[in-house]
Amino acid sequence: MERNVVLIALFAALIAALGLVPKLTLASGIPITAQSMGIMLCGTVLGAKRGALAVLLFVVLVAAGLPLLAGGRGGLGVFTTPWAGFYFGFPLAAFAAGLVMEKWKKGNVTVIAAVAAVIGGIGALYLVAVPYYMVMKPAGLGEALLTVMAPFMPGDLIKAVLAGLITGALYKARPSSVLSRANAA
């Protein structure tokens, strides 16, 4: 139990730290950071439940006002923007990535983790973020996908590959530390 609490808190801190690098801002004013890779790693390393809890802890801390989002943002105000769908989708993204890791028992862990990161950290996340943006803006699907979300896709794919490589390397070095694979045969 104590180990789980520590890992959940540690990964919430990792997400916050990854919000600091790199510091790039799109013309829309939205910063691009490695923070979403932290969401992916929560799922691929901790598994579905622990990963989602780590991300949920991060989201609660942001809502409480801690400036943990990229650019030092935090507080309830960030949940009123058209981009808030990402924050609401973060726990689902980690859960989905972790679930893929837990269910896909056989194969190369690096590849499985990269695919899990794409499914959870991009697919599940955008499943929440795109409709939320469309409602809050308001905007059509074409605008939401092409104009707004497309600039994030190349970076998100790179982060998914990196999450796969990191998870695979961690599994190779210390298999028991990748909790999403604890029961994998």
N, C-alpha and C. Protein backbone atom coordinates (compact mmCIF):
# COMPACT_ATOMS: atom_id res chain seq x y z
N MET A 1 0.82 -1.20 0.00
CA MET A 1 0.00 0.00 0.00
C MET A 1 0.86 1.26 0.00
N GLU A 2 1.87 1.30 0.88
CA GLU A 2 2.74 2.47 0.97
C GLU A 2 3.49 2.68 -0.34
N ARG A 3 3.93 1.58 -0.94
CA ARG A 3 4.67 1.67 -2.21
C ARG A 3 3.78 2.28 -3.28
N ASN A 4 2.52 1.88 -3.34
CA ASN A 4 1.59 2.43 -4.32
C ASN A 4 1.40 3.93 -4.13
N VAL A 5 1.23 4.35 -2.89
CA VAL A 5 1.04 5.78 -2.60
C VAL A 5 2.26 6.57 -3.03
N VAL A 6 3.43 6.05 -2.72
CA VAL A 6 4.67 6.74 -3.08
C VAL A 6 4.81 6.82 -4.61
N LEU A 7 4.54 5.74 -5.30
CA LEU A 7 4.66 5.74 -6.76
C LEU A 7 3.64 6.68 -7.41
N ILE A 8 2.43 6.72 -6.90
CA ILE A 8 1.41 7.61 -7.43
C ILE A 8 1.86 9.06 -7.26
N ALA A 9 2.36 9.40 -6.07
CA ALA A 9 2.84 10.76 -5.82
C ALA A 9 4.07 11.08 -6.67
N LEU A 10 4.96 10.12 -6.80
CA LEU A 10 6.18 10.32 -7.59
C LEU A 10 5.85 10.59 -9.06
N PHE A 11 4.91 9.83 -9.61
CA PHE A 11 4.55 10.04 -11.01
C PHE A 11 3.75 11.32 -11.22
N ALA A 12 2.97 11.74 -10.23
CA ALA A 12 2.30 13.05 -10.32
C ALA A 12 3.37 14.15 -10.37
N ALA A 13 4.42 13.99 -9.57
CA ALA A 13 5.52 14.97 -9.59
C ALA A 13 6.27 14.92 -10.92
N LEU A 14 6.41 13.74 -11.49
CA LEU A 14 7.07 13.61 -12.80
C LEU A 14 6.29 14.37 -13.87
N ILE A 15 4.96 14.26 -13.85
CA ILE A 15 4.15 14.99 -14.82
C ILE A 15 4.39 16.49 -14.67
N ALA A 16 4.42 16.97 -13.43
CA ALA A 16 4.66 18.40 -13.18
C ALA A 16 6.04 18.81 -13.69
N ALA A 17 7.05 18.00 -13.43
CA ALA A 17 8.41 18.32 -13.87
C ALA A 17 8.52 18.35 -15.39
N LEU A 18 7.83 17.44 -16.05
CA LEU A 18 7.88 17.39 -17.51
C LEU A 18 7.16 18.58 -18.15
N GLY A 19 6.39 19.31 -17.38
CA GLY A 19 5.76 20.53 -17.87
C GLY A 19 6.74 21.67 -18.04
N LEU A 20 7.94 21.49 -17.54
CA LEU A 20 8.95 22.53 -17.61
C LEU A 20 9.81 22.45 -18.87
N VAL A 21 9.82 21.28 -19.53
CA VAL A 21 10.69 21.09 -20.69
C VAL A 21 9.93 20.49 -21.86
N PRO A 22 10.27 20.78 -23.09
CA PRO A 22 10.89 22.03 -23.50
C PRO A 22 9.84 23.13 -23.43
N LYS A 23 10.26 24.35 -23.45
CA LYS A 23 9.30 25.44 -23.32
C LYS A 23 9.09 26.07 -24.68
N LEU A 24 8.11 25.54 -25.42
CA LEU A 24 7.73 26.05 -26.73
C LEU A 24 6.27 26.46 -26.67
N THR A 25 5.91 27.53 -27.36
CA THR A 25 4.52 27.96 -27.38
C THR A 25 4.06 28.13 -28.82
N LEU A 26 2.91 27.52 -29.12
CA LEU A 26 2.32 27.64 -30.45
C LEU A 26 1.72 29.04 -30.62
N ALA A 27 1.40 29.38 -31.86
CA ALA A 27 0.77 30.67 -32.14
C ALA A 27 -0.56 30.81 -31.40
N SER A 28 -1.21 29.68 -31.09
CA SER A 28 -2.48 29.71 -30.37
C SER A 28 -2.30 30.06 -28.90
N GLY A 29 -1.04 30.11 -28.45
CA GLY A 29 -0.76 30.42 -27.06
C GLY A 29 -0.65 29.18 -26.18
N ILE A 30 -0.84 28.02 -26.75
CA ILE A 30 -0.76 26.77 -25.99
C ILE A 30 0.68 26.27 -25.99
N PRO A 31 1.24 26.04 -24.80
CA PRO A 31 2.62 25.57 -24.73
C PRO A 31 2.74 24.09 -25.09
N ILE A 32 3.84 23.74 -25.70
CA ILE A 32 4.15 22.34 -25.98
C ILE A 32 5.25 21.94 -25.01
N THR A 33 4.99 20.87 -24.27
CA THR A 33 5.97 20.37 -23.30
C THR A 33 5.99 18.85 -23.38
N ALA A 34 6.78 18.25 -22.52
CA ALA A 34 6.84 16.80 -22.42
C ALA A 34 5.82 16.26 -21.42
N GLN A 35 4.94 17.13 -20.92
CA GLN A 35 3.99 16.75 -19.88
C GLN A 35 3.10 15.57 -20.30
N SER A 36 2.65 15.57 -21.54
CA SER A 36 1.79 14.46 -21.97
C SER A 36 2.55 13.13 -22.00
N MET A 37 3.87 13.18 -22.15
CA MET A 37 4.65 11.95 -22.05
C MET A 37 4.59 11.40 -20.63
N GLY A 38 4.52 12.27 -19.65
CA GLY A 38 4.36 11.83 -18.27
C GLY A 38 3.05 11.09 -18.07
N ILE A 39 1.99 11.57 -18.74
CA ILE A 39 0.70 10.91 -18.68
C ILE A 39 0.82 9.50 -19.27
N MET A 40 1.50 9.41 -20.41
CA MET A 40 1.70 8.11 -21.07
C MET A 40 2.49 7.17 -20.16
N LEU A 41 3.56 7.68 -19.55
CA LEU A 41 4.39 6.85 -18.68
C LEU A 41 3.64 6.37 -17.44
N CYS A 42 2.74 7.18 -16.94
CA CYS A 42 1.93 6.74 -15.80
C CYS A 42 1.22 5.44 -16.15
N GLY A 43 0.62 5.39 -17.32
CA GLY A 43 -0.08 4.18 -17.73
C GLY A 43 0.85 3.03 -18.06
N THR A 44 1.88 3.30 -18.86
CA THR A 44 2.75 2.20 -19.31
C THR A 44 3.58 1.61 -18.18
N VAL A 45 3.93 2.41 -17.19
CA VAL A 45 4.76 1.91 -16.09
C VAL A 45 3.91 1.45 -14.91
N LEU A 46 2.97 2.29 -14.49
CA LEU A 46 2.20 1.98 -13.27
C LEU A 46 0.99 1.07 -13.53
N GLY A 47 0.51 1.03 -14.76
CA GLY A 47 -0.69 0.26 -15.05
C GLY A 47 -1.92 1.16 -15.03
N ALA A 48 -3.06 0.57 -15.32
CA ALA A 48 -4.29 1.34 -15.51
C ALA A 48 -4.73 2.09 -14.25
N LYS A 49 -4.92 1.38 -13.16
CA LYS A 49 -5.47 2.02 -11.96
C LYS A 49 -4.48 2.99 -11.31
N ARG A 50 -3.27 2.53 -11.06
CA ARG A 50 -2.27 3.40 -10.42
C ARG A 50 -1.94 4.59 -11.31
N GLY A 51 -1.82 4.34 -12.61
CA GLY A 51 -1.52 5.42 -13.55
C GLY A 51 -2.60 6.47 -13.56
N ALA A 52 -3.86 6.03 -13.61
CA ALA A 52 -4.98 6.98 -13.59
C ALA A 52 -5.01 7.75 -12.27
N LEU A 53 -4.71 7.08 -11.16
CA LEU A 53 -4.70 7.76 -9.86
C LEU A 53 -3.59 8.81 -9.78
N ALA A 54 -2.42 8.49 -10.34
CA ALA A 54 -1.33 9.46 -10.35
C ALA A 54 -1.72 10.71 -11.13
N VAL A 55 -2.35 10.51 -12.28
CA VAL A 55 -2.76 11.63 -13.12
C VAL A 55 -3.91 12.39 -12.45
N LEU A 56 -4.82 11.66 -11.83
CA LEU A 56 -5.92 12.32 -11.12
C LEU A 56 -5.38 13.18 -9.98
N LEU A 57 -4.38 12.69 -9.27
CA LEU A 57 -3.74 13.49 -8.22
C LEU A 57 -3.16 14.77 -8.80
N PHE A 58 -2.49 14.65 -9.93
CA PHE A 58 -1.93 15.83 -10.60
C PHE A 58 -3.03 16.83 -10.95
N VAL A 59 -4.13 16.34 -11.53
CA VAL A 59 -5.24 17.22 -11.94
C VAL A 59 -5.87 17.90 -10.72
N VAL A 60 -6.02 17.16 -9.62
CA VAL A 60 -6.58 17.74 -8.39
C VAL A 60 -5.65 18.83 -7.85
N LEU A 61 -4.35 18.60 -7.89
CA LEU A 61 -3.39 19.61 -7.42
C LEU A 61 -3.45 20.87 -8.28
N VAL A 62 -3.62 20.68 -9.58
CA VAL A 62 -3.78 21.83 -10.49
C VAL A 62 -5.06 22.58 -10.13
N ALA A 63 -6.15 21.86 -9.94
CA ALA A 63 -7.42 22.48 -9.59
C ALA A 63 -7.33 23.23 -8.26
N ALA A 64 -6.52 22.72 -7.35
CA ALA A 64 -6.34 23.36 -6.05
C ALA A 64 -5.52 24.65 -6.15
N GLY A 65 -4.97 24.91 -7.33
CA GLY A 65 -4.26 26.16 -7.54
C GLY A 65 -2.76 26.06 -7.68
N LEU A 66 -2.21 24.87 -7.55
CA LEU A 66 -0.76 24.75 -7.72
C LEU A 66 -0.40 24.98 -9.19
N PRO A 67 0.63 25.77 -9.45
CA PRO A 67 1.00 26.11 -10.83
C PRO A 67 1.82 25.01 -11.51
N LEU A 68 1.20 23.86 -11.72
CA LEU A 68 1.92 22.69 -12.22
C LEU A 68 1.82 22.49 -13.72
N LEU A 69 0.90 23.20 -14.36
CA LEU A 69 0.78 23.07 -15.81
C LEU A 69 1.86 23.88 -16.49
N ALA A 70 2.13 23.56 -17.74
CA ALA A 70 3.12 24.29 -18.52
C ALA A 70 2.85 25.78 -18.42
N GLY A 71 3.90 26.55 -18.28
CA GLY A 71 3.77 28.00 -18.15
C GLY A 71 3.41 28.44 -16.75
N GLY A 72 3.43 27.52 -15.79
CA GLY A 72 3.12 27.88 -14.41
C GLY A 72 1.65 28.15 -14.16
N ARG A 73 0.80 27.48 -14.92
CA ARG A 73 -0.64 27.69 -14.76
C ARG A 73 -1.23 26.69 -13.79
N GLY A 74 -2.28 27.10 -13.12
CA GLY A 74 -3.01 26.24 -12.20
C GLY A 74 -4.26 26.96 -11.73
N GLY A 75 -5.09 26.27 -10.99
CA GLY A 75 -6.33 26.86 -10.49
C GLY A 75 -7.51 26.45 -11.34
N LEU A 76 -8.70 26.74 -10.83
CA LEU A 76 -9.93 26.34 -11.51
C LEU A 76 -10.11 27.02 -12.86
N GLY A 77 -9.51 28.17 -13.06
CA GLY A 77 -9.66 28.90 -14.32
C GLY A 77 -9.18 28.12 -15.53
N VAL A 78 -8.16 27.26 -15.36
CA VAL A 78 -7.66 26.50 -16.51
C VAL A 78 -8.68 25.49 -17.01
N PHE A 79 -9.65 25.16 -16.17
CA PHE A 79 -10.67 24.19 -16.55
C PHE A 79 -11.85 24.83 -17.29
N THR A 80 -11.77 26.12 -17.55
CA THR A 80 -12.83 26.82 -18.27
C THR A 80 -12.45 27.16 -19.70
N THR A 81 -11.25 26.79 -20.12
CA THR A 81 -10.78 27.10 -21.47
C THR A 81 -11.18 26.00 -22.44
N PRO A 82 -11.16 26.28 -23.74
CA PRO A 82 -11.45 25.22 -24.72
C PRO A 82 -10.45 24.07 -24.66
N TRP A 83 -9.29 24.29 -24.07
CA TRP A 83 -8.25 23.27 -23.98
C TRP A 83 -8.40 22.36 -22.76
N ALA A 84 -9.37 22.66 -21.90
CA ALA A 84 -9.54 21.90 -20.66
C ALA A 84 -9.88 20.43 -20.92
N GLY A 85 -10.36 20.11 -22.10
CA GLY A 85 -10.63 18.71 -22.43
C GLY A 85 -9.39 17.83 -22.28
N PHE A 86 -8.23 18.43 -22.52
CA PHE A 86 -6.99 17.67 -22.30
C PHE A 86 -6.86 17.30 -20.83
N TYR A 87 -7.09 18.26 -19.95
CA TYR A 87 -6.93 18.00 -18.51
C TYR A 87 -7.94 16.97 -18.04
N PHE A 88 -9.19 17.08 -18.53
CA PHE A 88 -10.21 16.11 -18.16
C PHE A 88 -9.89 14.73 -18.73
N GLY A 89 -9.22 14.69 -19.86
CA GLY A 89 -8.88 13.43 -20.50
C GLY A 89 -7.61 12.78 -19.99
N PHE A 90 -6.79 13.51 -19.25
CA PHE A 90 -5.52 12.95 -18.76
C PHE A 90 -5.71 11.63 -18.00
N PRO A 91 -6.60 11.54 -17.00
CA PRO A 91 -6.73 10.26 -16.28
C PRO A 91 -7.18 9.12 -17.19
N LEU A 92 -8.10 9.40 -18.11
CA LEU A 92 -8.55 8.37 -19.04
C LEU A 92 -7.39 7.90 -19.93
N ALA A 93 -6.56 8.84 -20.36
CA ALA A 93 -5.41 8.50 -21.21
C ALA A 93 -4.46 7.55 -20.49
N ALA A 94 -4.14 7.85 -19.24
CA ALA A 94 -3.24 6.98 -18.47
C ALA A 94 -3.89 5.61 -18.24
N PHE A 95 -5.19 5.62 -17.92
CA PHE A 95 -5.90 4.36 -17.70
C PHE A 95 -5.87 3.50 -18.95
N ALA A 96 -6.17 4.10 -20.10
CA ALA A 96 -6.21 3.35 -21.36
C ALA A 96 -4.82 2.79 -21.71
N ALA A 97 -3.78 3.60 -21.55
CA ALA A 97 -2.42 3.12 -21.83
C ALA A 97 -2.06 1.97 -20.90
N GLY A 98 -2.41 2.11 -19.64
CA GLY A 98 -2.12 1.04 -18.67
C GLY A 98 -2.90 -0.23 -18.96
N LEU A 99 -4.14 -0.07 -19.38
CA LEU A 99 -4.98 -1.23 -19.69
C LEU A 99 -4.41 -2.03 -20.88
N VAL A 100 -3.94 -1.30 -21.89
CA VAL A 100 -3.31 -1.98 -23.03
C VAL A 100 -2.09 -2.76 -22.55
N MET A 101 -1.28 -2.15 -21.70
CA MET A 101 -0.08 -2.82 -21.18
C MET A 101 -0.44 -4.08 -20.39
N GLU A 102 -1.49 -3.98 -19.59
CA GLU A 102 -1.89 -5.10 -18.74
C GLU A 102 -2.51 -6.25 -19.55
N LYS A 103 -3.22 -5.93 -20.59
CA LYS A 103 -3.93 -6.95 -21.37
C LYS A 103 -3.07 -7.59 -22.45
N TRP A 104 -2.12 -6.83 -23.00
CA TRP A 104 -1.25 -7.34 -24.07
C TRP A 104 -0.06 -8.02 -23.41
N LYS A 105 -0.20 -9.31 -23.16
CA LYS A 105 0.75 -10.04 -22.32
C LYS A 105 2.05 -10.45 -23.02
N LYS A 106 1.98 -10.78 -24.29
CA LYS A 106 3.15 -11.32 -24.98
C LYS A 106 3.69 -10.33 -25.99
N GLY A 107 5.00 -10.30 -26.11
CA GLY A 107 5.64 -9.46 -27.11
C GLY A 107 6.68 -8.54 -26.51
N ASN A 108 7.25 -7.74 -27.36
CA ASN A 108 8.30 -6.79 -26.99
C ASN A 108 7.69 -5.65 -26.18
N VAL A 109 8.15 -5.48 -24.96
CA VAL A 109 7.58 -4.47 -24.06
C VAL A 109 7.73 -3.07 -24.62
N THR A 110 8.83 -2.77 -25.28
CA THR A 110 9.02 -1.43 -25.87
C THR A 110 7.95 -1.14 -26.91
N VAL A 111 7.71 -2.09 -27.78
CA VAL A 111 6.70 -1.92 -28.83
C VAL A 111 5.31 -1.82 -28.21
N ILE A 112 5.01 -2.71 -27.28
CA ILE A 112 3.70 -2.70 -26.62
C ILE A 112 3.49 -1.36 -25.92
N ALA A 113 4.50 -0.88 -25.22
CA ALA A 113 4.38 0.39 -24.50
C ALA A 113 4.18 1.56 -25.46
N ALA A 114 4.87 1.55 -26.58
CA ALA A 114 4.69 2.63 -27.56
C ALA A 114 3.28 2.61 -28.13
N VAL A 115 2.79 1.42 -28.45
CA VAL A 115 1.42 1.30 -28.96
C VAL A 115 0.42 1.72 -27.89
N ALA A 116 0.65 1.30 -26.65
CA ALA A 116 -0.22 1.68 -25.53
C ALA A 116 -0.23 3.20 -25.35
N ALA A 117 0.93 3.82 -25.50
CA ALA A 117 1.02 5.27 -25.36
C ALA A 117 0.25 5.98 -26.47
N VAL A 118 0.29 5.41 -27.68
CA VAL A 118 -0.48 6.00 -28.79
C VAL A 118 -1.98 5.84 -28.53
N ILE A 119 -2.39 4.63 -28.13
CA ILE A 119 -3.81 4.37 -27.90
C ILE A 119 -4.34 5.23 -26.75
N GLY A 120 -3.62 5.25 -25.64
CA GLY A 120 -4.08 6.00 -24.48
C GLY A 120 -3.72 7.47 -24.54
N GLY A 121 -2.44 7.73 -24.70
CA GLY A 121 -1.94 9.10 -24.61
C GLY A 121 -2.30 9.98 -25.78
N ILE A 122 -2.72 9.38 -26.89
CA ILE A 122 -3.18 10.18 -28.03
C ILE A 122 -4.65 9.87 -28.30
N GLY A 123 -4.97 8.60 -28.56
CA GLY A 123 -6.34 8.23 -28.92
C GLY A 123 -7.37 8.57 -27.86
N ALA A 124 -7.20 8.04 -26.67
CA ALA A 124 -8.17 8.30 -25.60
C ALA A 124 -8.18 9.76 -25.20
N LEU A 125 -7.01 10.38 -25.17
CA LEU A 125 -6.93 11.79 -24.79
C LEU A 125 -7.66 12.68 -25.79
N TYR A 126 -7.44 12.45 -27.07
CA TYR A 126 -8.10 13.26 -28.09
C TYR A 126 -9.59 12.95 -28.17
N LEU A 127 -9.98 11.74 -27.77
CA LEU A 127 -11.40 11.39 -27.73
C LEU A 127 -12.17 12.29 -26.77
N VAL A 128 -11.51 12.77 -25.74
CA VAL A 128 -12.11 13.72 -24.80
C VAL A 128 -11.84 15.16 -25.24
N ALA A 129 -10.61 15.45 -25.61
CA ALA A 129 -10.20 16.84 -25.88
C ALA A 129 -10.87 17.45 -27.11
N VAL A 130 -11.01 16.68 -28.18
CA VAL A 130 -11.57 17.23 -29.43
C VAL A 130 -13.04 17.63 -29.27
N PRO A 131 -13.91 16.73 -28.77
CA PRO A 131 -15.31 17.16 -28.60
C PRO A 131 -15.45 18.30 -27.60
N TYR A 132 -14.64 18.28 -26.55
CA TYR A 132 -14.69 19.35 -25.56
C TYR A 132 -14.35 20.68 -26.21
N TYR A 133 -13.30 20.69 -27.02
CA TYR A 133 -12.92 21.92 -27.74
C TYR A 133 -14.03 22.37 -28.66
N MET A 134 -14.64 21.43 -29.37
CA MET A 134 -15.70 21.77 -30.31
C MET A 134 -16.88 22.44 -29.61
N VAL A 135 -17.21 21.97 -28.43
CA VAL A 135 -18.33 22.54 -27.67
C VAL A 135 -17.96 23.89 -27.07
N MET A 136 -16.78 23.98 -26.50
CA MET A 136 -16.38 25.20 -25.78
C MET A 136 -16.02 26.35 -26.70
N LYS A 137 -15.55 26.07 -27.91
CA LYS A 137 -15.06 27.14 -28.77
C LYS A 137 -16.16 28.02 -29.34
N PRO A 138 -17.19 27.66 -29.95
CA PRO A 138 -17.52 26.42 -30.65
C PRO A 138 -16.81 26.33 -32.00
N ALA A 139 -16.60 25.12 -32.41
CA ALA A 139 -15.89 24.86 -33.67
C ALA A 139 -16.39 23.56 -34.26
N GLY A 140 -16.20 23.40 -35.54
CA GLY A 140 -16.54 22.16 -36.21
C GLY A 140 -15.42 21.15 -36.06
N LEU A 141 -15.71 19.92 -36.44
CA LEU A 141 -14.72 18.85 -36.33
C LEU A 141 -13.48 19.14 -37.16
N GLY A 142 -13.68 19.64 -38.37
CA GLY A 142 -12.53 19.95 -39.23
C GLY A 142 -11.60 20.97 -38.59
N GLU A 143 -12.15 22.04 -38.06
CA GLU A 143 -11.33 23.05 -37.41
C GLU A 143 -10.62 22.47 -36.19
N ALA A 144 -11.37 21.71 -35.40
CA ALA A 144 -10.78 21.13 -34.18
C ALA A 144 -9.63 20.20 -34.51
N LEU A 145 -9.79 19.37 -35.53
CA LEU A 145 -8.75 18.39 -35.87
C LEU A 145 -7.59 19.00 -36.64
N LEU A 146 -7.89 19.72 -37.70
CA LEU A 146 -6.84 20.20 -38.60
C LEU A 146 -6.14 21.45 -38.10
N THR A 147 -6.91 22.41 -37.68
CA THR A 147 -6.32 23.69 -37.30
C THR A 147 -5.74 23.66 -35.90
N VAL A 148 -6.42 22.98 -35.00
CA VAL A 148 -6.06 23.07 -33.59
C VAL A 148 -5.24 21.88 -33.10
N MET A 149 -5.67 20.66 -33.40
CA MET A 149 -5.01 19.48 -32.86
C MET A 149 -3.82 19.01 -33.69
N ALA A 150 -3.86 19.22 -34.98
CA ALA A 150 -2.80 18.74 -35.88
C ALA A 150 -1.40 19.18 -35.47
N PRO A 151 -1.21 20.43 -35.00
CA PRO A 151 0.14 20.81 -34.62
C PRO A 151 0.74 19.98 -33.47
N PHE A 152 -0.13 19.36 -32.67
CA PHE A 152 0.35 18.55 -31.55
C PHE A 152 0.73 17.13 -31.94
N MET A 153 0.17 16.64 -33.04
CA MET A 153 0.32 15.23 -33.40
C MET A 153 1.77 14.76 -33.59
N PRO A 154 2.60 15.46 -34.36
CA PRO A 154 3.98 14.96 -34.50
C PRO A 154 4.70 14.84 -33.15
N GLY A 155 4.55 15.84 -32.32
CA GLY A 155 5.19 15.78 -31.00
C GLY A 155 4.61 14.68 -30.14
N ASP A 156 3.30 14.49 -30.21
CA ASP A 156 2.67 13.42 -29.42
C ASP A 156 3.16 12.05 -29.87
N LEU A 157 3.35 11.87 -31.17
CA LEU A 157 3.87 10.59 -31.66
C LEU A 157 5.30 10.36 -31.18
N ILE A 158 6.10 11.40 -31.19
CA ILE A 158 7.48 11.30 -30.68
C ILE A 158 7.46 10.95 -29.20
N LYS A 159 6.59 11.60 -28.43
CA LYS A 159 6.48 11.31 -26.99
C LYS A 159 6.03 9.87 -26.76
N ALA A 160 5.14 9.35 -27.60
CA ALA A 160 4.69 7.97 -27.44
C ALA A 160 5.84 6.99 -27.69
N VAL A 161 6.64 7.27 -28.71
CA VAL A 161 7.80 6.42 -28.98
C VAL A 161 8.79 6.50 -27.80
N LEU A 162 9.03 7.70 -27.30
CA LEU A 162 9.93 7.86 -26.15
C LEU A 162 9.38 7.14 -24.92
N ALA A 163 8.07 7.23 -24.69
CA ALA A 163 7.47 6.52 -23.55
C ALA A 163 7.67 5.02 -23.71
N GLY A 164 7.54 4.52 -24.95
CA GLY A 164 7.80 3.11 -25.20
C GLY A 164 9.24 2.73 -24.92
N LEU A 165 10.16 3.55 -25.40
CA LEU A 165 11.59 3.28 -25.18
C LEU A 165 11.95 3.33 -23.69
N ILE A 166 11.42 4.32 -22.98
CA ILE A 166 11.71 4.45 -21.54
C ILE A 166 11.14 3.26 -20.78
N THR A 167 9.89 2.91 -21.07
CA THR A 167 9.25 1.78 -20.39
C THR A 167 10.00 0.48 -20.70
N GLY A 168 10.37 0.29 -21.96
CA GLY A 168 11.12 -0.91 -22.34
C GLY A 168 12.47 -1.00 -21.64
N ALA A 169 13.18 0.12 -21.58
CA ALA A 169 14.48 0.13 -20.91
C ALA A 169 14.33 -0.13 -19.41
N LEU A 170 13.31 0.46 -18.81
CA LEU A 170 13.06 0.23 -17.39
C LEU A 170 12.72 -1.23 -17.13
N TYR A 171 11.92 -1.81 -18.02
CA TYR A 171 11.55 -3.22 -17.89
C TYR A 171 12.77 -4.13 -18.04
N LYS A 172 13.64 -3.78 -18.95
CA LYS A 172 14.86 -4.58 -19.16
C LYS A 172 15.77 -4.50 -17.94
N ALA A 173 15.91 -3.31 -17.36
CA ALA A 173 16.80 -3.11 -16.22
C ALA A 173 16.19 -3.67 -14.92
N ARG A 174 14.91 -3.42 -14.71
CA ARG A 174 14.23 -3.84 -13.47
C ARG A 174 12.80 -4.24 -13.80
N PRO A 175 12.59 -5.44 -14.25
CA PRO A 175 11.24 -5.87 -14.67
C PRO A 175 10.17 -5.64 -13.61
N SER A 176 10.51 -5.84 -12.35
CA SER A 176 9.49 -5.69 -11.29
C SER A 176 9.06 -4.24 -11.09
N SER A 177 9.82 -3.28 -11.62
CA SER A 177 9.45 -1.87 -11.44
C SER A 177 8.39 -1.41 -12.44
N VAL A 178 8.16 -2.20 -13.47
CA VAL A 178 7.10 -1.88 -14.45
C VAL A 178 5.85 -2.64 -14.00
N LEU A 179 5.06 -1.97 -13.16
CA LEU A 179 3.93 -2.61 -12.53
C LEU A 179 2.85 -3.03 -13.52
N SER A 180 2.79 -2.38 -14.66
CA SER A 180 1.80 -2.74 -15.67
C SER A 180 2.09 -4.13 -16.24
N ARG A 181 3.28 -4.63 -16.05
CA ARG A 181 3.67 -5.96 -16.56
C ARG A 181 3.81 -6.97 -15.43
N ALA A 182 3.42 -6.62 -14.23
CA ALA A 182 3.64 -7.49 -13.07
C ALA A 182 3.07 -8.89 -13.25
N ASN A 183 1.92 -9.00 -13.90
CA ASN A 183 1.30 -10.31 -14.08
C ASN A 183 1.43 -10.84 -15.48
N ALA A 184 2.25 -10.16 -16.31
CA ALA A 184 2.43 -10.61 -17.70
C ALA A 184 3.28 -11.87 -17.73
N ALA A 185 2.90 -12.77 -18.58
CA ALA A 185 3.67 -14.03 -18.69
C ALA A 185 4.74 -13.92 -19.74
